[in-house]
């Protein structure tokens, strides 16, 4: 029996649904982080002047961290969208290093991956 070179349309549809579900959650989390960075919600306006400077410093650090998280979340969203494009092109699940199919189990856990475990381990060395 010849080695499989791509996933079937039914398998690609399963992966597409997984990605769409993860994309919805990721976009909701991104919107929440953006709102936090924009300052929508709690602020230091209702605190006494004594603690205001300390709280503003902590608030600035917190917003910087939330900004980094938002950037990371946007990168994840972009990777998920790129995976959807690969599904449409029927190239999804093919390792970009080895050219072999990435196991289904890995794709179910990390649906935006473009590397098999074998390729990822070689990359670390």
PDB file of N, CA and C in Angstrom:
ATOM      1  N   UNK A   1       0.837  -1.185   0.000  1.00  0.00           N
ATOM      2  CA  UNK A   1       0.000   0.000   0.000  1.00  0.00           C
ATOM      3  C   UNK A   1       0.882   1.249   0.000  1.00  0.00           C
ATOM      4  N   UNK A   2       0.578   2.205  -0.847  1.00  0.00           N
ATOM      5  CA  UNK A   2       1.360   3.435  -0.960  1.00  0.00           C
ATOM      6  C   UNK A   2       1.137   4.325   0.265  1.00  0.00           C
ATOM      7  N   UNK A   3       2.165   5.070   0.601  1.00  0.00           N
ATOM      8  CA  UNK A   3       2.058   5.979   1.740  1.00  0.00           C
ATOM      9  C   UNK A   3       1.145   7.142   1.376  1.00  0.00           C
ATOM     10  N   UNK A   4       0.296   7.500   2.300  1.00  0.00           N
ATOM     11  CA  UNK A   4      -0.665   8.581   2.099  1.00  0.00           C
ATOM     12  C   UNK A   4       0.080   9.915   1.991  1.00  0.00           C
ATOM     13  N   UNK A   5      -0.274  10.736   0.988  1.00  0.00           N
ATOM     14  CA  UNK A   5       0.433  12.006   0.781  1.00  0.00           C
ATOM     15  C   UNK A   5      -0.364  13.217   1.234  1.00  0.00           C
ATOM     16  N   UNK A   6      -1.666  13.052   1.444  1.00  0.00           N
ATOM     17  CA  UNK A   6      -2.484  14.148   1.961  1.00  0.00           C
ATOM     18  C   UNK A   6      -3.715  13.581   2.649  1.00  0.00           C
ATOM     19  N   UNK A   7      -4.354  14.414   3.463  1.00  0.00           N
ATOM     20  CA  UNK A   7      -5.568  13.998   4.149  1.00  0.00           C
ATOM     21  C   UNK A   7      -6.759  14.096   3.203  1.00  0.00           C
ATOM     22  N   UNK A   8      -7.755  13.246   3.443  1.00  0.00           N
ATOM     23  CA  UNK A   8      -8.964  13.252   2.619  1.00  0.00           C
ATOM     24  C   UNK A   8      -9.785  14.509   2.899  1.00  0.00           C
ATOM     25  N   UNK A   9     -10.736  14.785   2.029  1.00  0.00           N
ATOM     26  CA  UNK A   9     -11.603  15.946   2.228  1.00  0.00           C
ATOM     27  C   UNK A   9     -12.384  15.833   3.539  1.00  0.00           C
ATOM     28  N   UNK A  10     -12.784  14.638   3.912  1.00  0.00           N
ATOM     29  CA  UNK A  10     -13.516  14.440   5.169  1.00  0.00           C
ATOM     30  C   UNK A  10     -12.612  14.739   6.368  1.00  0.00           C
ATOM     31  N   UNK A  11     -11.375  14.273   6.290  1.00  0.00           N
ATOM     32  CA  UNK A  11     -10.431  14.546   7.379  1.00  0.00           C
ATOM     33  C   UNK A  11     -10.125  16.049   7.458  1.00  0.00           C
ATOM     34  N   UNK A  12      -9.965  16.678   6.308  1.00  0.00           N
ATOM     35  CA  UNK A  12      -9.711  18.121   6.287  1.00  0.00           C
ATOM     36  C   UNK A  12     -10.888  18.891   6.878  1.00  0.00           C
ATOM     37  N   UNK A  13     -12.096  18.416   6.637  1.00  0.00           N
ATOM     38  CA  UNK A  13     -13.286  19.069   7.195  1.00  0.00           C
ATOM     39  C   UNK A  13     -13.286  18.963   8.721  1.00  0.00           C
ATOM     40  N   UNK A  14     -12.864  17.815   9.241  1.00  0.00           N
ATOM     41  CA  UNK A  14     -12.757  17.657  10.701  1.00  0.00           C
ATOM     42  C   UNK A  14     -11.761  18.667  11.278  1.00  0.00           C
ATOM     43  N   UNK A  15     -10.606  18.778  10.641  1.00  0.00           N
ATOM     44  CA  UNK A  15      -9.590  19.729  11.110  1.00  0.00           C
ATOM     45  C   UNK A  15     -10.086  21.168  10.983  1.00  0.00           C
ATOM     46  N   UNK A  16     -10.806  21.450   9.916  1.00  0.00           N
ATOM     47  CA  UNK A  16     -11.347  22.799   9.709  1.00  0.00           C
ATOM     48  C   UNK A  16     -12.266  23.174  10.861  1.00  0.00           C
ATOM     49  N   UNK A  17     -13.103  22.244  11.293  1.00  0.00           N
ATOM     50  CA  UNK A  17     -14.024  22.521  12.392  1.00  0.00           C
ATOM     51  C   UNK A  17     -13.260  22.764  13.694  1.00  0.00           C
ATOM     52  N   UNK A  18     -12.232  21.975  13.940  1.00  0.00           N
ATOM     53  CA  UNK A  18     -11.395  22.166  15.134  1.00  0.00           C
ATOM     54  C   UNK A  18     -10.790  23.566  15.111  1.00  0.00           C
ATOM     55  N   UNK A  19     -10.259  23.950  13.958  1.00  0.00           N
ATOM     56  CA  UNK A  19      -9.603  25.257  13.827  1.00  0.00           C
ATOM     57  C   UNK A  19     -10.614  26.387  13.994  1.00  0.00           C
ATOM     58  N   UNK A  20     -11.778  26.258  13.380  1.00  0.00           N
ATOM     59  CA  UNK A  20     -12.800  27.304  13.510  1.00  0.00           C
ATOM     60  C   UNK A  20     -13.233  27.482  14.961  1.00  0.00           C
ATOM     61  N   UNK A  21     -13.364  26.377  15.688  1.00  0.00           N
ATOM     62  CA  UNK A  21     -13.716  26.462  17.111  1.00  0.00           C
ATOM     63  C   UNK A  21     -12.629  27.183  17.898  1.00  0.00           C
ATOM     64  N   UNK A  22     -11.371  26.817  17.651  1.00  0.00           N
ATOM     65  CA  UNK A  22     -10.254  27.455  18.355  1.00  0.00           C
ATOM     66  C   UNK A  22     -10.132  28.922  17.956  1.00  0.00           C
ATOM     67  N   UNK A  23     -10.403  29.228  16.699  1.00  0.00           N
ATOM     68  CA  UNK A  23     -10.316  30.601  16.208  1.00  0.00           C
ATOM     69  C   UNK A  23     -11.354  31.488  16.883  1.00  0.00           C
ATOM     70  N   UNK A  24     -12.558  30.969  17.065  1.00  0.00           N
ATOM     71  CA  UNK A  24     -13.609  31.739  17.734  1.00  0.00           C
ATOM     72  C   UNK A  24     -13.195  32.098  19.160  1.00  0.00           C
ATOM     73  N   UNK A  25     -12.691  31.120  19.887  1.00  0.00           N
ATOM     74  CA  UNK A  25     -12.255  31.349  21.269  1.00  0.00           C
ATOM     75  C   UNK A  25     -11.074  32.329  21.294  1.00  0.00           C
ATOM     76  N   UNK A  26     -10.127  32.138  20.384  1.00  0.00           N
ATOM     77  CA  UNK A  26      -8.935  32.990  20.338  1.00  0.00           C
ATOM     78  C   UNK A  26      -9.309  34.439  20.041  1.00  0.00           C
ATOM     79  N   UNK A  27     -10.251  34.653  19.134  1.00  0.00           N
ATOM     80  CA  UNK A  27     -10.659  36.019  18.798  1.00  0.00           C
ATOM     81  C   UNK A  27     -11.397  36.673  19.962  1.00  0.00           C
ATOM     82  N   UNK A  28     -12.186  35.900  20.693  1.00  0.00           N
ATOM     83  CA  UNK A  28     -12.861  36.435  21.881  1.00  0.00           C
ATOM     84  C   UNK A  28     -11.837  36.840  22.942  1.00  0.00           C
ATOM     85  N   UNK A  29     -10.840  36.000  23.154  1.00  0.00           N
ATOM     86  CA  UNK A  29      -9.790  36.315  24.126  1.00  0.00           C
ATOM     87  C   UNK A  29      -8.997  37.546  23.687  1.00  0.00           C
ATOM     88  N   UNK A  30      -8.716  37.644  22.394  1.00  0.00           N
ATOM     89  CA  UNK A  30      -7.986  38.802  21.863  1.00  0.00           C
ATOM     90  C   UNK A  30      -8.783  40.089  22.087  1.00  0.00           C
ATOM     91  N   UNK A  31     -10.076  40.061  21.810  1.00  0.00           N
ATOM     92  CA  UNK A  31     -10.914  41.243  22.027  1.00  0.00           C
ATOM     93  C   UNK A  31     -10.915  41.649  23.496  1.00  0.00           C
ATOM     94  N   UNK A  32     -10.981  40.669  24.376  1.00  0.00           N
ATOM     95  CA  UNK A  32     -10.955  40.942  25.817  1.00  0.00           C
ATOM     96  C   UNK A  32      -9.624  41.597  26.209  1.00  0.00           C
ATOM     97  N   UNK A  33      -8.520  41.055  25.702  1.00  0.00           N
ATOM     98  CA  UNK A  33      -7.205  41.630  26.014  1.00  0.00           C
ATOM     99  C   UNK A  33      -7.080  43.052  25.472  1.00  0.00           C
ATOM    100  N   UNK A  34      -7.575  43.277  24.277  1.00  0.00           N
ATOM    101  CA  UNK A  34      -7.524  44.630  23.697  1.00  0.00           C
ATOM    102  C   UNK A  34      -8.309  45.616  24.541  1.00  0.00           C
ATOM    103  N   UNK A  35      -9.454  45.194  25.045  1.00  0.00           N
ATOM    104  CA  UNK A  35     -10.257  46.065  25.903  1.00  0.00           C
ATOM    105  C   UNK A  35      -9.507  46.382  27.189  1.00  0.00           C
ATOM    106  N   UNK A  36      -8.826  45.387  27.721  1.00  0.00           N
ATOM    107  CA  UNK A  36      -8.061  45.597  28.953  1.00  0.00           C
ATOM    108  C   UNK A  36      -6.927  46.593  28.708  1.00  0.00           C
ATOM    109  N   UNK A  37      -6.241  46.455  27.587  1.00  0.00           N
ATOM    110  CA  UNK A  37      -5.139  47.357  27.264  1.00  0.00           C
ATOM    111  C   UNK A  37      -5.660  48.773  27.028  1.00  0.00           C
ATOM    112  N   UNK A  38      -6.814  48.875  26.394  1.00  0.00           N
ATOM    113  CA  UNK A  38      -7.398  50.185  26.099  1.00  0.00           C
ATOM    114  C   UNK A  38      -7.910  50.875  27.367  1.00  0.00           C
ATOM    115  N   UNK A  39      -7.982  50.124  28.459  1.00  0.00           N
ATOM    116  CA  UNK A  39      -8.381  50.728  29.726  1.00  0.00           C
ATOM    117  C   UNK A  39      -9.872  50.684  29.976  1.00  0.00           C
ATOM    118  N   UNK A  40     -10.583  49.903  29.191  1.00  0.00           N
ATOM    119  CA  UNK A  40     -12.016  49.767  29.418  1.00  0.00           C
ATOM    120  C   UNK A  40     -12.184  48.834  30.614  1.00  0.00           C
ATOM    121  N   UNK A  41     -12.773  49.333  31.638  1.00  0.00           N
ATOM    122  CA  UNK A  41     -12.944  48.531  32.849  1.00  0.00           C
ATOM    123  C   UNK A  41     -12.405  49.279  34.052  1.00  0.00           C
ATOM    124  N   UNK A  42     -11.754  48.590  34.950  1.00  0.00           N
ATOM    125  CA  UNK A  42     -11.263  49.196  36.187  1.00  0.00           C
ATOM    126  C   UNK A  42     -10.138  50.179  35.925  1.00  0.00           C
ATOM    127  N   UNK A  43     -10.092  51.229  36.729  1.00  0.00           N
ATOM    128  CA  UNK A  43      -9.040  52.242  36.629  1.00  0.00           C
ATOM    129  C   UNK A  43      -8.733  52.727  38.032  1.00  0.00           C
ATOM    130  N   UNK A  44      -7.814  53.690  38.153  1.00  0.00           N
ATOM    131  CA  UNK A  44      -7.407  54.188  39.471  1.00  0.00           C
ATOM    132  C   UNK A  44      -8.130  55.475  39.847  1.00  0.00           C
ATOM    133  N   UNK A  45      -9.112  55.885  39.076  1.00  0.00           N
ATOM    134  CA  UNK A  45      -9.804  57.145  39.334  1.00  0.00           C
ATOM    135  C   UNK A  45     -10.542  57.159  40.663  1.00  0.00           C
ATOM    136  N   UNK A  46     -10.915  56.030  41.180  1.00  0.00           N
ATOM    137  CA  UNK A  46     -11.693  55.985  42.415  1.00  0.00           C
ATOM    138  C   UNK A  46     -10.832  55.709  43.650  1.00  0.00           C
ATOM    139  N   UNK A  47      -9.509  55.776  43.534  1.00  0.00           N
ATOM    140  CA  UNK A  47      -8.646  55.508  44.687  1.00  0.00           C
ATOM    141  C   UNK A  47      -8.150  56.810  45.286  1.00  0.00           C
ATOM    142  N   UNK A  48      -7.673  56.718  46.499  1.00  0.00           N
ATOM    143  CA  UNK A  48      -7.173  57.921  47.154  1.00  0.00           C
ATOM    144  C   UNK A  48      -5.832  58.332  46.542  1.00  0.00           C
ATOM    145  N   UNK A  49      -5.497  59.629  46.581  1.00  0.00           N
ATOM    146  CA  UNK A  49      -4.246  60.115  45.970  1.00  0.00           C
ATOM    147  C   UNK A  49      -2.985  59.432  46.497  1.00  0.00           C
ATOM    148  N   UNK A  50      -3.009  58.990  47.746  1.00  0.00           N
ATOM    149  CA  UNK A  50      -1.838  58.351  48.334  1.00  0.00           C
ATOM    150  C   UNK A  50      -1.418  57.107  47.566  1.00  0.00           C
ATOM    151  N   UNK A  51      -2.365  56.321  47.167  1.00  0.00           N
ATOM    152  CA  UNK A  51      -2.075  55.060  46.491  1.00  0.00           C
ATOM    153  C   UNK A  51      -2.135  55.172  44.973  1.00  0.00           C
ATOM    154  N   UNK A  52      -2.557  56.321  44.487  1.00  0.00           N
ATOM    155  CA  UNK A  52      -2.770  56.474  43.050  1.00  0.00           C
ATOM    156  C   UNK A  52      -1.491  56.241  42.247  1.00  0.00           C
ATOM    157  N   UNK A  53      -0.363  56.798  42.686  1.00  0.00           N
ATOM    158  CA  UNK A  53       0.896  56.656  41.948  1.00  0.00           C
ATOM    159  C   UNK A  53       1.325  55.196  41.893  1.00  0.00           C
ATOM    160  N   UNK A  54       1.248  54.499  43.020  1.00  0.00           N
ATOM    161  CA  UNK A  54       1.611  53.083  43.047  1.00  0.00           C
ATOM    162  C   UNK A  54       0.695  52.253  42.157  1.00  0.00           C
ATOM    163  N   UNK A  55      -0.573  52.540  42.232  1.00  0.00           N
ATOM    164  CA  UNK A  55      -1.523  51.776  41.430  1.00  0.00           C
ATOM    165  C   UNK A  55      -1.365  52.072  39.942  1.00  0.00           C
ATOM    166  N   UNK A  56      -1.029  53.320  39.607  1.00  0.00           N
ATOM    167  CA  UNK A  56      -0.818  53.649  38.195  1.00  0.00           C
ATOM    168  C   UNK A  56       0.399  52.899  37.649  1.00  0.00           C
ATOM    169  N   UNK A  57       1.453  52.779  38.463  1.00  0.00           N
ATOM    170  CA  UNK A  57       2.633  52.030  38.040  1.00  0.00           C
ATOM    171  C   UNK A  57       2.302  50.560  37.816  1.00  0.00           C
ATOM    172  N   UNK A  58       1.573  49.999  38.752  1.00  0.00           N
ATOM    173  CA  UNK A  58       1.167  48.596  38.620  1.00  0.00           C
ATOM    174  C   UNK A  58       0.237  48.433  37.421  1.00  0.00           C
ATOM    175  N   UNK A  59      -0.631  49.411  37.225  1.00  0.00           N
ATOM    176  CA  UNK A  59      -1.559  49.358  36.100  1.00  0.00           C
ATOM    177  C   UNK A  59      -0.806  49.413  34.772  1.00  0.00           C
ATOM    178  N   UNK A  60       0.231  50.242  34.708  1.00  0.00           N
ATOM    179  CA  UNK A  60       1.041  50.345  33.490  1.00  0.00           C
ATOM    180  C   UNK A  60       1.727  49.019  33.196  1.00  0.00           C
ATOM    181  N   UNK A  61       2.307  48.397  34.210  1.00  0.00           N
ATOM    182  CA  UNK A  61       2.948  47.098  34.019  1.00  0.00           C
ATOM    183  C   UNK A  61       1.940  46.044  33.564  1.00  0.00           C
ATOM    184  N   UNK A  62       0.777  46.090  34.163  1.00  0.00           N
ATOM    185  CA  UNK A  62      -0.261  45.126  33.810  1.00  0.00           C
ATOM    186  C   UNK A  62      -0.702  45.332  32.356  1.00  0.00           C
ATOM    187  N   UNK A  63      -0.847  46.591  31.938  1.00  0.00           N
ATOM    188  CA  UNK A  63      -1.254  46.864  30.556  1.00  0.00           C
ATOM    189  C   UNK A  63      -0.171  46.439  29.565  1.00  0.00           C
ATOM    190  N   UNK A  64       1.102  46.612  29.943  1.00  0.00           N
ATOM    191  CA  UNK A  64       2.189  46.162  29.075  1.00  0.00           C
ATOM    192  C   UNK A  64       2.142  44.644  28.898  1.00  0.00           C
ATOM    193  N   UNK A  65       1.911  43.940  29.985  1.00  0.00           N
ATOM    194  CA  UNK A  65       1.815  42.481  29.925  1.00  0.00           C
ATOM    195  C   UNK A  65       0.611  42.062  29.089  1.00  0.00           C
ATOM    196  N   UNK A  66      -0.509  42.726  29.292  1.00  0.00           N
ATOM    197  CA  UNK A  66      -1.697  42.411  28.503  1.00  0.00           C
ATOM    198  C   UNK A  66      -1.457  42.719  27.021  1.00  0.00           C
ATOM    199  N   UNK A  67      -0.694  43.767  26.744  1.00  0.00           N
ATOM    200  CA  UNK A  67      -0.342  44.092  25.359  1.00  0.00           C
ATOM    201  C   UNK A  67       0.483  42.988  24.729  1.00  0.00           C
ATOM    202  N   UNK A  68       1.447  42.450  25.485  1.00  0.00           N
ATOM    203  CA  UNK A  68       2.252  41.328  24.982  1.00  0.00           C
ATOM    204  C   UNK A  68       1.381  40.101  24.746  1.00  0.00           C
ATOM    205  N   UNK A  69       0.465  39.843  25.680  1.00  0.00           N
ATOM    206  CA  UNK A  69      -0.441  38.707  25.514  1.00  0.00           C
ATOM    207  C   UNK A  69      -1.338  38.898  24.288  1.00  0.00           C
ATOM    208  N   UNK A  70      -1.786  40.124  24.065  1.00  0.00           N
ATOM    209  CA  UNK A  70      -2.632  40.411  22.905  1.00  0.00           C
ATOM    210  C   UNK A  70      -1.848  40.183  21.609  1.00  0.00           C
ATOM    211  N   UNK A  71      -0.584  40.597  21.589  1.00  0.00           N
ATOM    212  CA  UNK A  71       0.254  40.375  20.406  1.00  0.00           C
ATOM    213  C   UNK A  71       0.432  38.878  20.149  1.00  0.00           C
ATOM    214  N   UNK A  72       0.683  38.149  21.208  1.00  0.00           N
ATOM    215  CA  UNK A  72       0.861  36.700  21.085  1.00  0.00           C
ATOM    216  C   UNK A  72      -0.427  36.040  20.599  1.00  0.00           C
ATOM    217  N   UNK A  73      -1.563  36.516  21.115  1.00  0.00           N
ATOM    218  CA  UNK A  73      -2.851  35.973  20.713  1.00  0.00           C
ATOM    219  C   UNK A  73      -3.118  36.283  19.232  1.00  0.00           C
ATOM    220  N   UNK A  74      -2.742  37.478  18.771  1.00  0.00           N
ATOM    221  CA  UNK A  74      -2.934  37.826  17.363  1.00  0.00           C
ATOM    222  C   UNK A  74      -2.082  36.931  16.468  1.00  0.00           C
ATOM    223  N   UNK A  75      -0.872  36.628  16.897  1.00  0.00           N
ATOM    224  CA  UNK A  75      -0.013  35.726  16.121  1.00  0.00           C
ATOM    225  C   UNK A  75      -0.669  34.342  16.011  1.00  0.00           C
ATOM    226  N   UNK A  76      -1.240  33.870  17.102  1.00  0.00           N
ATOM    227  CA  UNK A  76      -1.937  32.579  17.120  1.00  0.00           C
ATOM    228  C   UNK A  76      -3.127  32.605  16.160  1.00  0.00           C
ATOM    229  N   UNK A  77      -3.880  33.691  16.180  1.00  0.00           N
ATOM    230  CA  UNK A  77      -5.026  33.842  15.279  1.00  0.00           C
ATOM    231  C   UNK A  77      -4.559  33.797  13.825  1.00  0.00           C
ATOM    232  N   UNK A  78      -3.477  34.483  13.531  1.00  0.00           N
ATOM    233  CA  UNK A  78      -2.940  34.484  12.168  1.00  0.00           C
ATOM    234  C   UNK A  78      -2.496  33.082  11.752  1.00  0.00           C
ATOM    235  N   UNK A  79      -1.906  32.340  12.680  1.00  0.00           N
ATOM    236  CA  UNK A  79      -1.486  30.974  12.376  1.00  0.00           C
ATOM    237  C   UNK A  79      -2.694  30.071  12.117  1.00  0.00           C
ATOM    238  N   UNK A  80      -3.761  30.259  12.877  1.00  0.00           N
ATOM    239  CA  UNK A  80      -4.980  29.482  12.651  1.00  0.00           C
ATOM    240  C   UNK A  80      -5.588  29.816  11.289  1.00  0.00           C
ATOM    241  N   UNK A  81      -5.593  31.088  10.932  1.00  0.00           N
ATOM    242  CA  UNK A  81      -6.132  31.494   9.633  1.00  0.00           C
ATOM    243  C   UNK A  81      -5.277  30.936   8.491  1.00  0.00           C
ATOM    244  N   UNK A  82      -3.972  30.908   8.688  1.00  0.00           N
ATOM    245  CA  UNK A  82      -3.081  30.327   7.676  1.00  0.00           C
ATOM    246  C   UNK A  82      -3.367  28.832   7.522  1.00  0.00           C
ATOM    247  N   UNK A  83      -3.684  28.160   8.629  1.00  0.00           N
ATOM    248  CA  UNK A  83      -4.024  26.735   8.577  1.00  0.00           C
ATOM    249  C   UNK A  83      -5.306  26.529   7.775  1.00  0.00           C
ATOM    250  N   UNK A  84      -6.267  27.434   7.916  1.00  0.00           N
ATOM    251  CA  UNK A  84      -7.500  27.331   7.127  1.00  0.00           C
ATOM    252  C   UNK A  84      -7.202  27.473   5.633  1.00  0.00           C
ATOM    253  N   UNK A  85      -6.277  28.332   5.294  1.00  0.00           N
ATOM    254  CA  UNK A  85      -5.878  28.490   3.887  1.00  0.00           C
ATOM    255  C   UNK A  85      -5.237  27.205   3.380  1.00  0.00           C
ATOM    256  N   UNK A  86      -4.390  26.585   4.213  1.00  0.00           N
ATOM    257  CA  UNK A  86      -3.769  25.320   3.813  1.00  0.00           C
ATOM    258  C   UNK A  86      -4.829  24.230   3.614  1.00  0.00           C
ATOM    259  N   UNK A  87      -5.891  24.267   4.413  1.00  0.00           N
ATOM    260  CA  UNK A  87      -6.978  23.302   4.234  1.00  0.00           C
ATOM    261  C   UNK A  87      -7.641  23.534   2.876  1.00  0.00           C
ATOM    262  N   UNK A  88      -7.922  24.776   2.563  1.00  0.00           N
ATOM    263  CA  UNK A  88      -8.543  25.093   1.272  1.00  0.00           C
ATOM    264  C   UNK A  88      -7.646  24.672   0.110  1.00  0.00           C
ATOM    265  N   UNK A  89      -6.332  24.813   0.282  1.00  0.00           N
ATOM    266  CA  UNK A  89      -5.363  24.427  -0.757  1.00  0.00           C
ATOM    267  C   UNK A  89      -5.057  22.929  -0.744  1.00  0.00           C
ATOM    268  N   UNK A  90      -5.618  22.240   0.232  1.00  0.00           N
ATOM    269  CA  UNK A  90      -5.407  20.795   0.426  1.00  0.00           C
ATOM    270  C   UNK A  90      -3.933  20.447   0.695  1.00  0.00           C
ATOM    271  N   UNK A  91      -3.232  21.374   1.336  1.00  0.00           N
ATOM    272  CA  UNK A  91      -1.843  21.126   1.735  1.00  0.00           C
ATOM    273  C   UNK A  91      -1.721  21.028   3.258  1.00  0.00           C
ATOM    274  N   UNK A  92      -2.854  21.084   3.944  1.00  0.00           N
ATOM    275  CA  UNK A  92      -2.860  21.047   5.402  1.00  0.00           C
ATOM    276  C   UNK A  92      -2.362  19.695   5.903  1.00  0.00           C
ATOM    277  N   UNK A  93      -1.552  19.753   6.960  1.00  0.00           N
ATOM    278  CA  UNK A  93      -1.099  18.528   7.611  1.00  0.00           C
ATOM    279  C   UNK A  93       0.155  17.935   7.008  1.00  0.00           C
ATOM    280  N   UNK A  94       0.740  18.625   6.051  1.00  0.00           N
ATOM    281  CA  UNK A  94       1.978  18.147   5.436  1.00  0.00           C
ATOM    282  C   UNK A  94       3.140  18.928   6.053  1.00  0.00           C
ATOM    283  N   UNK A  95       4.092  18.210   6.622  1.00  0.00           N
ATOM    284  CA  UNK A  95       5.239  18.838   7.271  1.00  0.00           C
ATOM    285  C   UNK A  95       6.049  19.622   6.236  1.00  0.00           C
ATOM    286  N   UNK A  96       6.363  20.864   6.564  1.00  0.00           N
ATOM    287  CA  UNK A  96       7.100  21.704   5.618  1.00  0.00           C
ATOM    288  C   UNK A  96       8.575  21.352   5.541  1.00  0.00           C
ATOM    289  N   UNK A  97       9.066  20.508   6.436  1.00  0.00           N
ATOM    290  CA  UNK A  97      10.472  20.079   6.407  1.00  0.00           C
ATOM    291  C   UNK A  97      10.604  18.706   5.762  1.00  0.00           C
ATOM    292  N   UNK A  98       9.820  17.743   6.252  1.00  0.00           N
ATOM    293  CA  UNK A  98       9.959  16.364   5.769  1.00  0.00           C
ATOM    294  C   UNK A  98       9.067  16.054   4.573  1.00  0.00           C
ATOM    295  N   UNK A  99       7.981  16.816   4.394  1.00  0.00           N
ATOM    296  CA  UNK A  99       7.037  16.540   3.322  1.00  0.00           C
ATOM    297  C   UNK A  99       6.090  15.392   3.627  1.00  0.00           C
ATOM    298  N   UNK A 100       6.198  14.835   4.823  1.00  0.00           N
ATOM    299  CA  UNK A 100       5.329  13.722   5.237  1.00  0.00           C
ATOM    300  C   UNK A 100       4.113  14.270   5.979  1.00  0.00           C
ATOM    301  N   UNK A 101       3.092  13.433   6.086  1.00  0.00           N
ATOM    302  CA  UNK A 101       1.901  13.834   6.830  1.00  0.00           C
ATOM    303  C   UNK A 101       2.207  13.929   8.326  1.00  0.00           C
ATOM    304  N   UNK A 102       1.722  14.982   8.928  1.00  0.00           N
ATOM    305  CA  UNK A 102       1.823  15.154  10.371  1.00  0.00           C
ATOM    306  C   UNK A 102       0.715  14.276  10.980  1.00  0.00           C
ATOM    307  N   UNK A 103       1.017  13.495  12.010  1.00  0.00           N
ATOM    308  CA  UNK A 103      -0.006  12.619  12.600  1.00  0.00           C
ATOM    309  C   UNK A 103      -1.249  13.393  13.055  1.00  0.00           C
ATOM    310  N   UNK A 104      -2.389  12.757  12.891  1.00  0.00           N
ATOM    311  CA  UNK A 104      -3.671  13.376  13.263  1.00  0.00           C
ATOM    312  C   UNK A 104      -3.691  13.820  14.719  1.00  0.00           C
ATOM    313  N   UNK A 105      -3.103  12.993  15.591  1.00  0.00           N
ATOM    314  CA  UNK A 105      -3.109  13.314  17.019  1.00  0.00           C
ATOM    315  C   UNK A 105      -2.432  14.658  17.269  1.00  0.00           C
ATOM    316  N   UNK A 106      -1.328  14.905  16.593  1.00  0.00           N
ATOM    317  CA  UNK A 106      -0.608  16.178  16.753  1.00  0.00           C
ATOM    318  C   UNK A 106      -1.445  17.335  16.211  1.00  0.00           C
ATOM    319  N   UNK A 107      -2.073  17.134  15.066  1.00  0.00           N
ATOM    320  CA  UNK A 107      -2.887  18.191  14.470  1.00  0.00           C
ATOM    321  C   UNK A 107      -4.120  18.508  15.314  1.00  0.00           C
ATOM    322  N   UNK A 108      -4.649  17.518  15.984  1.00  0.00           N
ATOM    323  CA  UNK A 108      -5.802  17.776  16.853  1.00  0.00           C
ATOM    324  C   UNK A 108      -5.395  18.618  18.064  1.00  0.00           C
ATOM    325  N   UNK A 109      -4.178  18.414  18.554  1.00  0.00           N
ATOM    326  CA  UNK A 109      -3.689  19.174  19.702  1.00  0.00           C
ATOM    327  C   UNK A 109      -3.137  20.545  19.305  1.00  0.00           C
ATOM    328  N   UNK A 110      -2.419  20.589  18.175  1.00  0.00           N
ATOM    329  CA  UNK A 110      -1.793  21.827  17.707  1.00  0.00           C
ATOM    330  C   UNK A 110      -2.193  22.002  16.232  1.00  0.00           C
ATOM    331  N   UNK A 111      -3.427  22.426  15.991  1.00  0.00           N
ATOM    332  CA  UNK A 111      -3.938  22.428  14.618  1.00  0.00           C
ATOM    333  C   UNK A 111      -3.259  23.410  13.665  1.00  0.00           C
ATOM    334  N   UNK A 112      -2.505  24.352  14.190  1.00  0.00           N
ATOM    335  CA  UNK A 112      -1.826  25.325  13.331  1.00  0.00           C
ATOM    336  C   UNK A 112      -0.383  24.927  13.002  1.00  0.00           C
ATOM    337  N   UNK A 113       0.048  23.772  13.479  1.00  0.00           N
ATOM    338  CA  UNK A 113       1.431  23.365  13.277  1.00  0.00           C
ATOM    339  C   UNK A 113       1.738  23.093  11.805  1.00  0.00           C
ATOM    340  N   UNK A 114       2.982  23.329  11.437  1.00  0.00           N
ATOM    341  CA  UNK A 114       3.447  23.014  10.082  1.00  0.00           C
ATOM    342  C   UNK A 114       4.630  22.058  10.142  1.00  0.00           C
ATOM    343  N   UNK A 115       4.947  21.596  11.354  1.00  0.00           N
ATOM    344  CA  UNK A 115       6.086  20.695  11.544  1.00  0.00           C
ATOM    345  C   UNK A 115       5.659  19.421  12.265  1.00  0.00           C
ATOM    346  N   UNK A 116       6.215  18.304  11.815  1.00  0.00           N
ATOM    347  CA  UNK A 116       6.030  17.050  12.537  1.00  0.00           C
ATOM    348  C   UNK A 116       6.946  17.079  13.755  1.00  0.00           C
ATOM    349  N   UNK A 117       6.736  16.168  14.673  1.00  0.00           N
ATOM    350  CA  UNK A 117       7.600  16.072  15.847  1.00  0.00           C
ATOM    351  C   UNK A 117       9.038  15.806  15.393  1.00  0.00           C
ATOM    352  N   UNK A 118       9.196  14.943  14.421  1.00  0.00           N
ATOM    353  CA  UNK A 118      10.524  14.612  13.884  1.00  0.00           C
ATOM    354  C   UNK A 118      11.250  15.878  13.405  1.00  0.00           C
ATOM    355  N   UNK A 119      10.569  16.705  12.639  1.00  0.00           N
ATOM    356  CA  UNK A 119      11.175  17.940  12.122  1.00  0.00           C
ATOM    357  C   UNK A 119      11.440  18.932  13.249  1.00  0.00           C
ATOM    358  N   UNK A 120      10.531  19.017  14.203  1.00  0.00           N
ATOM    359  CA  UNK A 120      10.699  19.942  15.334  1.00  0.00           C
ATOM    360  C   UNK A 120      11.908  19.554  16.173  1.00  0.00           C
ATOM    361  N   UNK A 121      12.110  18.260  16.383  1.00  0.00           N
ATOM    362  CA  UNK A 121      13.266  17.792  17.157  1.00  0.00           C
ATOM    363  C   UNK A 121      14.569  18.078  16.405  1.00  0.00           C
ATOM    364  N   UNK A 122      14.574  17.910  15.093  1.00  0.00           N
ATOM    365  CA  UNK A 122      15.768  18.211  14.293  1.00  0.00           C
ATOM    366  C   UNK A 122      16.078  19.712  14.379  1.00  0.00           C
ATOM    367  N   UNK A 123      15.055  20.528  14.422  1.00  0.00           N
ATOM    368  CA  UNK A 123      15.219  21.979  14.472  1.00  0.00           C
ATOM    369  C   UNK A 123      15.908  22.404  15.773  1.00  0.00           C
ATOM    370  N   UNK A 124      15.630  21.700  16.864  1.00  0.00           N
ATOM    371  CA  UNK A 124      16.207  22.037  18.181  1.00  0.00           C
ATOM    372  C   UNK A 124      17.701  21.759  18.255  1.00  0.00           C
ATOM    373  N   UNK A 125      18.151  20.772  17.499  1.00  0.00           N
ATOM    374  CA  UNK A 125      19.554  20.336  17.583  1.00  0.00           C
ATOM    375  C   UNK A 125      20.481  21.325  16.940  1.00  0.00           C
TER     376      UNK A 125
END
